Amino acid sequence: APAAQHTSALTGRTVVVIGGSAGI
């Protein structure tokens, strides 16, 4: 049987990072 593909809970989600150009 083919191996099941891992689907992350973030797949298809949109994340906004305010201050996302460096560091954390």
PDB file of all heavy atoms in Angstrom:
ATOM      1  N   ALA A   1       0.843  -1.200   0.000  1.00  0.00           N
ATOM      2  CA  ALA A   1       0.000   0.000   0.000  1.00  0.00           C
ATOM      3  C   ALA A   1       0.874   1.244   0.000  1.00  0.00           C
ATOM      4  O   ALA A   1       1.925   1.274   0.642  1.00  0.00           O
ATOM      5  CB  ALA A   1      -0.903  -0.003   1.242  1.00  0.00           C
ATOM      6  N   PRO A   2       0.490   2.254  -0.753  1.00  0.00           N
ATOM      7  CA  PRO A   2       1.270   3.485  -0.771  1.00  0.00           C
ATOM      8  C   PRO A   2       1.299   4.139   0.597  1.00  0.00           C
ATOM      9  O   PRO A   2       0.332   4.064   1.369  1.00  0.00           O
ATOM     10  CB  PRO A   2       0.516   4.363  -1.787  1.00  0.00           C
ATOM     11  CG  PRO A   2      -0.877   3.823  -1.811  1.00  0.00           C
ATOM     12  CD  PRO A   2      -0.729   2.339  -1.568  1.00  0.00           C
ATOM     13  N   ALA A   3       2.442   4.752   0.912  1.00  0.00           N
ATOM     14  CA  ALA A   3       2.575   5.424   2.203  1.00  0.00           C
ATOM     15  C   ALA A   3       1.628   6.613   2.274  1.00  0.00           C
ATOM     16  O   ALA A   3       1.444   7.340   1.293  1.00  0.00           O
ATOM     17  CB  ALA A   3       4.021   5.894   2.397  1.00  0.00           C
ATOM     18  N   ALA A   4       1.011   6.789   3.425  1.00  0.00           N
ATOM     19  CA  ALA A   4       0.104   7.916   3.611  1.00  0.00           C
ATOM     20  C   ALA A   4       0.907   9.213   3.636  1.00  0.00           C
ATOM     21  O   ALA A   4       1.969   9.292   4.252  1.00  0.00           O
ATOM     22  CB  ALA A   4      -0.672   7.756   4.917  1.00  0.00           C
ATOM     23  N   GLN A   5       0.395  10.227   2.933  1.00  0.00           N
ATOM     24  CA  GLN A   5       1.079  11.511   2.930  1.00  0.00           C
ATOM     25  C   GLN A   5       0.719  12.294   4.176  1.00  0.00           C
ATOM     26  O   GLN A   5      -0.436  12.322   4.594  1.00  0.00           O
ATOM     27  CB  GLN A   5       0.705  12.314   1.678  1.00  0.00           C
ATOM     28  CG  GLN A   5       1.274  11.727   0.396  1.00  0.00           C
ATOM     29  CD  GLN A   5       1.037  12.649  -0.780  1.00  0.00           C
ATOM     30  OE1 GLN A   5       0.108  13.449  -0.774  1.00  0.00           O
ATOM     31  NE2 GLN A   5       1.879  12.540  -1.784  1.00  0.00           N
ATOM     32  N   HIS A   6       1.735  12.952   4.763  1.00  0.00           N
ATOM     33  CA  HIS A   6       1.505  13.762   5.960  1.00  0.00           C
ATOM     34  C   HIS A   6       0.858  15.085   5.570  1.00  0.00           C
ATOM     35  O   HIS A   6       1.306  15.766   4.660  1.00  0.00           O
ATOM     36  CB  HIS A   6       2.831  14.039   6.667  1.00  0.00           C
ATOM     37  CG  HIS A   6       2.720  15.047   7.771  1.00  0.00           C
ATOM     38  ND1 HIS A   6       2.080  14.776   8.959  1.00  0.00           N
ATOM     39  CD2 HIS A   6       3.150  16.337   7.850  1.00  0.00           C
ATOM     40  CE1 HIS A   6       2.127  15.846   9.730  1.00  0.00           C
ATOM     41  NE2 HIS A   6       2.776  16.806   9.083  1.00  0.00           N
ATOM     42  N   THR A   7      -0.233  15.421   6.211  1.00  0.00           N
ATOM     43  CA  THR A   7      -0.883  16.700   5.993  1.00  0.00           C
ATOM     44  C   THR A   7      -0.817  17.500   7.282  1.00  0.00           C
ATOM     45  O   THR A   7      -1.364  17.092   8.307  1.00  0.00           O
ATOM     46  CB  THR A   7      -2.349  16.524   5.568  1.00  0.00           C
ATOM     47  OG1 THR A   7      -2.389  15.750   4.361  1.00  0.00           O
ATOM     48  CG2 THR A   7      -3.002  17.871   5.309  1.00  0.00           C
ATOM     49  N   SER A   8      -0.157  18.637   7.230  1.00  0.00           N
ATOM     50  CA  SER A   8      -0.018  19.467   8.418  1.00  0.00           C
ATOM     51  C   SER A   8      -1.314  20.207   8.699  1.00  0.00           C
ATOM     52  O   SER A   8      -2.102  20.489   7.787  1.00  0.00           O
ATOM     53  CB  SER A   8       1.115  20.478   8.220  1.00  0.00           C
ATOM     54  OG  SER A   8       1.064  21.486   9.211  1.00  0.00           O
ATOM     55  N   ALA A   9      -1.512  20.562   9.966  1.00  0.00           N
ATOM     56  CA  ALA A   9      -2.671  21.365  10.339  1.00  0.00           C
ATOM     57  C   ALA A   9      -2.585  22.774   9.779  1.00  0.00           C
ATOM     58  O   ALA A   9      -3.576  23.513   9.810  1.00  0.00           O
ATOM     59  CB  ALA A   9      -2.808  21.409  11.855  1.00  0.00           C
ATOM     60  N   LEU A  10      -1.422  23.157   9.247  1.00  0.00           N
ATOM     61  CA  LEU A  10      -1.286  24.486   8.639  1.00  0.00           C
ATOM     62  C   LEU A  10      -1.463  24.462   7.120  1.00  0.00           C
ATOM     63  O   LEU A  10      -1.437  25.519   6.495  1.00  0.00           O
ATOM     64  CB  LEU A  10       0.071  25.098   8.986  1.00  0.00           C
ATOM     65  CG  LEU A  10       0.249  25.602  10.407  1.00  0.00           C
ATOM     66  CD1 LEU A  10       1.620  26.249  10.587  1.00  0.00           C
ATOM     67  CD2 LEU A  10      -0.850  26.595  10.788  1.00  0.00           C
ATOM     68  N   THR A  11      -1.619  23.300   6.550  1.00  0.00           N
ATOM     69  CA  THR A  11      -1.807  23.228   5.100  1.00  0.00           C
ATOM     70  C   THR A  11      -3.057  23.995   4.687  1.00  0.00           C
ATOM     71  O   THR A  11      -4.149  23.771   5.215  1.00  0.00           O
ATOM     72  CB  THR A  11      -1.922  21.764   4.645  1.00  0.00           C
ATOM     73  OG1 THR A  11      -0.723  21.064   4.979  1.00  0.00           O
ATOM     74  CG2 THR A  11      -2.143  21.687   3.146  1.00  0.00           C
ATOM     75  N   GLY A  12      -2.873  24.935   3.772  1.00  0.00           N
ATOM     76  CA  GLY A  12      -3.997  25.731   3.301  1.00  0.00           C
ATOM     77  C   GLY A  12      -4.384  26.876   4.211  1.00  0.00           C
ATOM     78  O   GLY A  12      -5.318  27.629   3.905  1.00  0.00           O
ATOM     79  N   ARG A  13      -3.682  27.049   5.330  1.00  0.00           N
ATOM     80  CA  ARG A  13      -3.966  28.152   6.254  1.00  0.00           C
ATOM     81  C   ARG A  13      -3.137  29.376   5.876  1.00  0.00           C
ATOM     82  O   ARG A  13      -2.129  29.268   5.187  1.00  0.00           O
ATOM     83  CB  ARG A  13      -3.659  27.752   7.698  1.00  0.00           C
ATOM     84  CG  ARG A  13      -4.334  26.487   8.165  1.00  0.00           C
ATOM     85  CD  ARG A  13      -5.842  26.607   8.122  1.00  0.00           C
ATOM     86  NE  ARG A  13      -6.489  25.432   8.679  1.00  0.00           N
ATOM     87  CZ  ARG A  13      -7.803  25.231   8.683  1.00  0.00           C
ATOM     88  NH1 ARG A  13      -8.603  26.123   8.153  1.00  0.00           N
ATOM     89  NH2 ARG A  13      -8.316  24.142   9.209  1.00  0.00           N
ATOM     90  N   THR A  14      -3.572  30.539   6.348  1.00  0.00           N
ATOM     91  CA  THR A  14      -2.846  31.777   6.101  1.00  0.00           C
ATOM     92  C   THR A  14      -2.342  32.328   7.422  1.00  0.00           C
ATOM     93  O   THR A  14      -3.117  32.498   8.374  1.00  0.00           O
ATOM     94  CB  THR A  14      -3.744  32.823   5.416  1.00  0.00           C
ATOM     95  OG1 THR A  14      -4.219  32.294   4.180  1.00  0.00           O
ATOM     96  CG2 THR A  14      -2.964  34.108   5.158  1.00  0.00           C
ATOM     97  N   VAL A  15      -1.042  32.580   7.466  1.00  0.00           N
ATOM     98  CA  VAL A  15      -0.377  33.077   8.673  1.00  0.00           C
ATOM     99  C   VAL A  15       0.190  34.461   8.380  1.00  0.00           C
ATOM    100  O   VAL A  15       0.947  34.643   7.426  1.00  0.00           O
ATOM    101  CB  VAL A  15       0.749  32.125   9.113  1.00  0.00           C
ATOM    102  CG1 VAL A  15       1.506  32.712  10.310  1.00  0.00           C
ATOM    103  CG2 VAL A  15       0.197  30.742   9.460  1.00  0.00           C
ATOM    104  N   VAL A  16      -0.161  35.434   9.194  1.00  0.00           N
ATOM    105  CA  VAL A  16       0.388  36.783   9.107  1.00  0.00           C
ATOM    106  C   VAL A  16       1.426  36.942  10.209  1.00  0.00           C
ATOM    107  O   VAL A  16       1.143  36.662  11.378  1.00  0.00           O
ATOM    108  CB  VAL A  16      -0.710  37.850   9.266  1.00  0.00           C
ATOM    109  CG1 VAL A  16      -0.103  39.253   9.304  1.00  0.00           C
ATOM    110  CG2 VAL A  16      -1.733  37.739   8.146  1.00  0.00           C
ATOM    111  N   VAL A  17       2.630  37.383   9.840  1.00  0.00           N
ATOM    112  CA  VAL A  17       3.676  37.643  10.834  1.00  0.00           C
ATOM    113  C   VAL A  17       4.016  39.122  10.767  1.00  0.00           C
ATOM    114  O   VAL A  17       4.577  39.599   9.780  1.00  0.00           O
ATOM    115  CB  VAL A  17       4.931  36.792  10.596  1.00  0.00           C
ATOM    116  CG1 VAL A  17       5.951  37.060  11.703  1.00  0.00           C
ATOM    117  CG2 VAL A  17       4.581  35.303  10.552  1.00  0.00           C
ATOM    118  N   ILE A  18       3.662  39.845  11.807  1.00  0.00           N
ATOM    119  CA  ILE A  18       3.946  41.274  11.893  1.00  0.00           C
ATOM    120  C   ILE A  18       5.307  41.434  12.552  1.00  0.00           C
ATOM    121  O   ILE A  18       5.483  41.124  13.727  1.00  0.00           O
ATOM    122  CB  ILE A  18       2.846  42.006  12.686  1.00  0.00           C
ATOM    123  CG1 ILE A  18       1.506  41.863  11.960  1.00  0.00           C
ATOM    124  CG2 ILE A  18       3.205  43.476  12.896  1.00  0.00           C
ATOM    125  CD1 ILE A  18       0.328  42.452  12.707  1.00  0.00           C
ATOM    126  N   GLY A  19       6.272  41.882  11.774  1.00  0.00           N
ATOM    127  CA  GLY A  19       7.660  41.902  12.221  1.00  0.00           C
ATOM    128  C   GLY A  19       8.362  40.634  11.765  1.00  0.00           C
ATOM    129  O   GLY A  19       9.148  40.051  12.519  1.00  0.00           O
ATOM    130  N   GLY A  20       8.083  40.228  10.525  1.00  0.00           N
ATOM    131  CA  GLY A  20       8.551  38.924  10.057  1.00  0.00           C
ATOM    132  C   GLY A  20       9.776  38.949   9.173  1.00  0.00           C
ATOM    133  O   GLY A  20      10.039  37.966   8.491  1.00  0.00           O
ATOM    134  N   SER A  21      10.533  40.034   9.186  1.00  0.00           N
ATOM    135  CA  SER A  21      11.670  40.120   8.267  1.00  0.00           C
ATOM    136  C   SER A  21      12.975  39.617   8.865  1.00  0.00           C
ATOM    137  O   SER A  21      13.977  39.523   8.156  1.00  0.00           O
ATOM    138  CB  SER A  21      11.856  41.569   7.782  1.00  0.00           C
ATOM    139  OG  SER A  21      12.136  42.430   8.873  1.00  0.00           O
ATOM    140  N   ALA A  22      12.989  39.276  10.146  1.00  0.00           N
ATOM    141  CA  ALA A  22      14.224  38.799  10.784  1.00  0.00           C
ATOM    142  C   ALA A  22      13.881  38.078  12.081  1.00  0.00           C
ATOM    143  O   ALA A  22      12.756  38.146  12.573  1.00  0.00           O
ATOM    144  CB  ALA A  22      15.188  39.966  11.061  1.00  0.00           C
ATOM    145  N   GLY A  23      14.869  37.374  12.628  1.00  0.00           N
ATOM    146  CA  GLY A  23      14.757  36.805  13.960  1.00  0.00           C
ATOM    147  C   GLY A  23      13.626  35.822  14.140  1.00  0.00           C
ATOM    148  O   GLY A  23      13.359  34.959  13.286  1.00  0.00           O
ATOM    149  N   ILE A  24      12.918  35.953  15.254  1.00  0.00           N
ATOM    150  CA  ILE A  24      11.842  35.028  15.611  1.00  0.00           C
ATOM    151  C   ILE A  24      10.731  35.055  14.568  1.00  0.00           C
ATOM    152  O   ILE A  24      10.183  34.016  14.187  1.00  0.00           O
ATOM    153  CB  ILE A  24      11.292  35.369  17.008  1.00  0.00           C
ATOM    154  CG1 ILE A  24      12.347  35.067  18.076  1.00  0.00           C
ATOM    155  CG2 ILE A  24      10.009  34.597  17.290  1.00  0.00           C
ATOM    156  CD1 ILE A  24      11.993  35.606  19.449  1.00  0.00           C
TER     157      ILE A  24
END
